[in-house]
Amino acid sequence: MNLGTYSMLIMFLYLVRILLIMSTISRLFLMILQKLLLFVLIRKKVPLSLLIIVDIKRIFAIHWGLLTLFHTLPILAYLFL
């Protein structure tokens, strides 16, 4: 593999790493927003069914965020080492 191909591959891997980090951060930000929404809904005394729907969505967001984090950890470890 020549130097040009190697440098393009390294640049591509850095781009993938940045995108993975940004997607993980955005999911964590989404979880924080959903917690704030749940807090506001509780203070406004909305019906229980709406609270359950928001809580289920928050649980799925946490699950999805953890899955994303665990799937990106080996990739991030490979890119940093």
Protein backbone atom coordinates (compact mmCIF):
# COMPACT_ATOMS: atom_id res chain seq x y z
CA MET A 1 0.00 0.00 0.00
CA ASN A 2 1.48 3.33 -0.99
CA LEU A 3 1.54 6.48 1.12
CA GLY A 4 -1.41 8.17 -0.62
CA THR A 5 -3.72 5.22 -0.09
CA TYR A 6 -2.61 4.90 3.52
CA SER A 7 -3.21 8.60 4.26
CA MET A 8 -6.68 8.46 2.63
CA LEU A 9 -7.53 5.42 4.75
CA ILE A 10 -6.38 7.18 7.93
CA MET A 11 -8.45 10.28 7.05
CA PHE A 12 -11.51 8.09 6.42
CA LEU A 13 -11.06 6.34 9.79
CA TYR A 14 -10.77 9.70 11.57
CA LEU A 15 -13.99 10.84 9.89
CA VAL A 16 -15.77 7.65 10.97
CA ARG A 17 -14.48 8.13 14.51
CA ILE A 18 -15.76 11.72 14.65
CA LEU A 19 -19.18 10.67 13.33
CA LEU A 20 -19.46 7.87 15.89
CA ILE A 21 -18.55 10.19 18.74
CA MET A 22 -21.03 12.82 17.54
CA SER A 23 -23.86 10.27 17.24
CA THR A 24 -23.20 9.01 20.77
CA ILE A 25 -23.18 12.56 22.14
CA SER A 26 -26.41 13.42 20.31
CA ARG A 27 -28.16 10.36 21.76
CA LEU A 28 -27.03 11.32 25.25
CA PHE A 29 -28.32 14.86 24.63
CA LEU A 30 -31.66 13.38 23.51
CA MET A 31 -31.89 11.37 26.74
CA ILE A 32 -31.29 14.53 28.79
CA LEU A 33 -34.01 16.39 26.85
CA GLN A 34 -36.46 13.55 27.44
CA LYS A 35 -35.72 13.61 31.18
CA LEU A 36 -36.43 17.34 31.23
CA LEU A 37 -39.67 16.80 29.32
CA LEU A 38 -40.73 14.11 31.78
CA PHE A 39 -39.95 16.44 34.69
CA VAL A 40 -42.04 19.24 33.15
CA LEU A 41 -44.93 16.87 32.46
CA ILE A 42 -44.90 15.62 36.05
CA ARG A 43 -44.98 19.19 37.37
CA LYS A 44 -47.91 20.07 35.07
CA LYS A 45 -49.87 17.02 36.35
CA VAL A 46 -50.62 15.54 32.93
CA PRO A 47 -52.54 12.24 32.60
CA LEU A 48 -50.73 9.06 33.57
CA SER A 49 -51.01 7.56 30.06
CA LEU A 50 -48.91 10.38 28.58
CA LEU A 51 -46.30 9.94 31.31
CA ILE A 52 -46.09 6.21 30.57
CA ILE A 53 -45.59 6.88 26.84
CA VAL A 54 -42.81 9.40 27.51
CA ASP A 55 -41.18 7.04 30.02
CA ILE A 56 -41.23 4.13 27.54
CA LYS A 57 -39.62 6.34 24.90
CA ARG A 58 -36.97 7.39 27.43
CA ILE A 59 -36.23 3.76 28.28
CA PHE A 60 -35.80 2.94 24.59
CA ALA A 61 -33.55 5.98 24.15
CA ILE A 62 -31.37 4.86 27.07
CA HIS A 63 -31.22 1.32 25.67
CA TRP A 64 -30.33 2.61 22.20
CA GLY A 65 -27.69 4.95 23.61
CA LEU A 66 -26.06 2.14 25.60
CA LEU A 67 -26.12 -0.18 22.59
CA THR A 68 -24.51 2.48 20.45
CA LEU A 69 -21.90 3.16 23.10
CA PHE A 70 -21.02 -0.52 23.52
CA HIS A 71 -20.84 -1.05 19.76
CA THR A 72 -18.58 1.96 19.26
CA LEU A 73 -16.19 1.16 22.12
CA PRO A 74 -14.24 -1.53 20.20
CA ILE A 75 -14.07 0.72 17.15
CA LEU A 76 -12.88 3.67 19.23
CA ALA A 77 -10.32 1.48 21.00
CA TYR A 78 -9.06 0.28 17.61
CA LEU A 79 -8.80 3.84 16.29
CA PHE A 80 -7.02 5.19 19.37
CA LEU A 81 -4.52 2.32 19.67
